[in-house]
Amino acid sequence: MNFPEELKYTQDHEWIRIEGDTAVIGITDFAQSELGDIVFVEVTSVGQSLPKGEIFGSIEAVKTVSDLFLPVGGEVLEINPDVEKSPELVNDDPYGRGWIIRLKLTDGAETDDLLSAEAYKELVGA
């Protein structure tokens, strides 16, 4: 299982990569493996400003549907068009081509509460 050190993680199994005043967000390798084959990713919040912890969409696997939660507050700028067309990218490359949204940060300090790779590994028992 992969836990990139440069990312931050949530207890809800999202990851975040900060790029200046924007962030890229997806689900972790652990989450995609627990969900199984992903068949649909829905983001209904593009263009909306949402607070930290708010649901920004959902991800559907063969056997279940899970909500996606924002690790930080901000404006949802876009959904990854590749994931819209090929949701299995989340299974194949969760930290690369399988990212889900790009977000304009409201408050970069909110990342201070997120988990490091080491803390996330402990959370999932890896």
Protein backbone atom coordinates (compact mmCIF):
# COMPACT_ATOMS: atom_id res chain seq x y z
CA MET A 1 0.00 0.00 0.00
CA ASN A 2 1.23 3.45 -0.91
CA PHE A 3 1.35 6.46 1.49
CA PRO A 4 3.17 9.40 -0.20
CA GLU A 5 5.00 11.45 2.43
CA GLU A 6 4.34 14.81 0.70
CA LEU A 7 0.55 14.49 1.11
CA LYS A 8 -1.74 15.13 4.08
CA TYR A 9 -4.55 12.73 4.98
CA THR A 10 -7.93 12.71 6.71
CA GLN A 11 -9.58 10.17 8.98
CA ASP A 12 -12.23 9.86 6.23
CA HIS A 13 -9.51 8.56 3.83
CA GLU A 14 -9.07 11.58 1.57
CA TRP A 15 -5.66 12.94 0.67
CA ILE A 16 -4.69 16.53 -0.17
CA ARG A 17 -1.74 18.04 -2.01
CA ILE A 18 -1.24 21.81 -1.60
CA GLU A 19 -0.15 23.72 -4.71
CA GLY A 20 0.13 27.39 -3.73
CA ASP A 21 -3.40 28.67 -2.99
CA THR A 22 -5.07 25.60 -4.50
CA ALA A 23 -5.26 21.97 -3.48
CA VAL A 24 -5.73 18.68 -5.28
CA ILE A 25 -7.88 16.14 -3.44
CA GLY A 26 -8.56 12.44 -3.91
CA ILE A 27 -9.09 9.25 -1.95
CA THR A 28 -6.28 7.16 -0.54
CA ASP A 29 -4.89 3.90 -1.83
CA PHE A 30 -6.34 2.26 1.29
CA ALA A 31 -9.81 3.69 0.57
CA GLN A 32 -9.88 2.58 -3.06
CA SER A 33 -8.77 -0.92 -2.08
CA GLU A 34 -11.52 -1.13 0.56
CA LEU A 35 -14.18 0.13 -1.89
CA GLY A 36 -13.22 -2.25 -4.68
CA ASP A 37 -13.90 -1.55 -8.36
CA ILE A 38 -14.96 2.09 -8.71
CA VAL A 39 -17.63 2.61 -11.36
CA PHE A 40 -18.74 6.24 -10.89
CA VAL A 41 -17.49 9.47 -9.34
CA GLU A 42 -19.99 12.30 -8.82
CA VAL A 43 -19.06 15.81 -7.77
CA THR A 44 -22.07 18.10 -7.46
CA SER A 45 -20.27 21.04 -5.86
CA VAL A 46 -18.16 22.55 -8.68
CA GLY A 47 -18.27 26.34 -8.32
CA GLN A 48 -19.44 26.20 -4.70
CA SER A 49 -17.55 27.37 -1.62
CA LEU A 50 -17.86 24.77 1.13
CA PRO A 51 -16.50 24.50 4.67
CA LYS A 52 -14.05 21.88 5.88
CA GLY A 53 -15.77 18.54 6.47
CA GLU A 54 -18.62 19.20 4.02
CA ILE A 55 -19.64 16.52 1.50
CA PHE A 56 -18.46 17.52 -1.98
CA GLY A 57 -19.58 14.45 -3.90
CA SER A 58 -19.74 10.68 -3.84
CA ILE A 59 -17.88 7.70 -5.17
CA GLU A 60 -19.64 4.53 -6.27
CA ALA A 61 -18.09 1.10 -6.31
CA VAL A 62 -19.69 -2.13 -7.45
CA LYS A 63 -21.03 -2.88 -3.94
CA THR A 64 -21.34 0.50 -2.20
CA VAL A 65 -21.56 4.29 -2.44
CA SER A 66 -19.45 6.55 -0.18
CA ASP A 67 -19.59 10.27 0.45
CA LEU A 68 -16.51 12.41 -0.21
CA PHE A 69 -15.60 14.99 2.45
CA LEU A 70 -13.52 18.16 2.06
CA PRO A 71 -10.32 18.01 4.13
CA VAL A 72 -10.21 21.84 4.07
CA GLY A 73 -12.66 24.58 3.18
CA GLY A 74 -12.66 26.32 -0.17
CA GLU A 75 -14.20 26.72 -3.60
CA VAL A 76 -14.44 23.58 -5.70
CA LEU A 77 -12.82 24.64 -8.97
CA GLU A 78 -13.06 21.47 -11.05
CA ILE A 79 -13.53 17.75 -11.15
CA ASN A 80 -10.87 15.68 -12.87
CA PRO A 81 -12.33 15.16 -16.38
CA ASP A 82 -10.37 11.92 -16.78
CA VAL A 83 -12.02 10.44 -13.68
CA GLU A 84 -15.45 11.47 -14.95
CA LYS A 85 -14.83 9.46 -18.12
CA SER A 86 -12.80 6.63 -16.54
CA PRO A 87 -13.59 6.29 -12.80
CA GLU A 88 -11.35 3.21 -12.60
CA LEU A 89 -8.38 5.62 -12.63
CA VAL A 90 -9.08 6.09 -8.91
CA ASN A 91 -8.29 2.37 -8.44
CA ASP A 92 -5.33 2.36 -10.84
CA ASP A 93 -3.56 5.59 -9.76
CA PRO A 94 -5.25 7.19 -6.70
CA TYR A 95 -2.45 9.73 -6.07
CA GLY A 96 -1.77 10.60 -9.71
CA ARG A 97 -4.20 10.45 -12.61
CA GLY A 98 -7.01 9.42 -10.23
CA TRP A 99 -7.26 12.74 -8.34
CA ILE A 100 -10.87 13.88 -7.91
CA ILE A 101 -11.10 17.67 -7.45
CA ARG A 102 -9.08 20.87 -7.48
CA LEU A 103 -9.98 23.39 -4.76
CA LYS A 104 -9.17 27.06 -4.11
CA LEU A 105 -8.20 27.20 -0.43
CA THR A 106 -10.10 29.44 1.97
CA ASP A 107 -7.66 29.05 4.88
CA GLY A 108 -4.37 27.22 4.37
CA ALA A 109 -3.98 26.86 8.15
CA GLU A 110 -6.74 24.22 8.10
CA THR A 111 -4.16 21.75 6.79
CA ASP A 112 -2.43 21.88 10.19
CA ASP A 113 -5.08 19.50 11.60
CA LEU A 114 -4.58 16.86 8.91
CA LEU A 115 -2.67 13.61 9.33
CA SER A 116 0.87 12.97 8.17
CA ALA A 117 1.59 9.83 6.13
CA GLU A 118 2.92 8.16 9.29
CA ALA A 119 -0.18 9.04 11.34
CA TYR A 120 -2.46 7.85 8.53
CA LYS A 121 -0.59 4.53 8.34
CA GLU A 122 -1.23 4.07 12.05
CA LEU A 123 -4.91 4.91 11.58
CA VAL A 124 -5.41 2.19 8.96
CA GLY A 125 -3.10 -0.31 10.67
CA ALA A 126 -0.50 -0.45 7.89
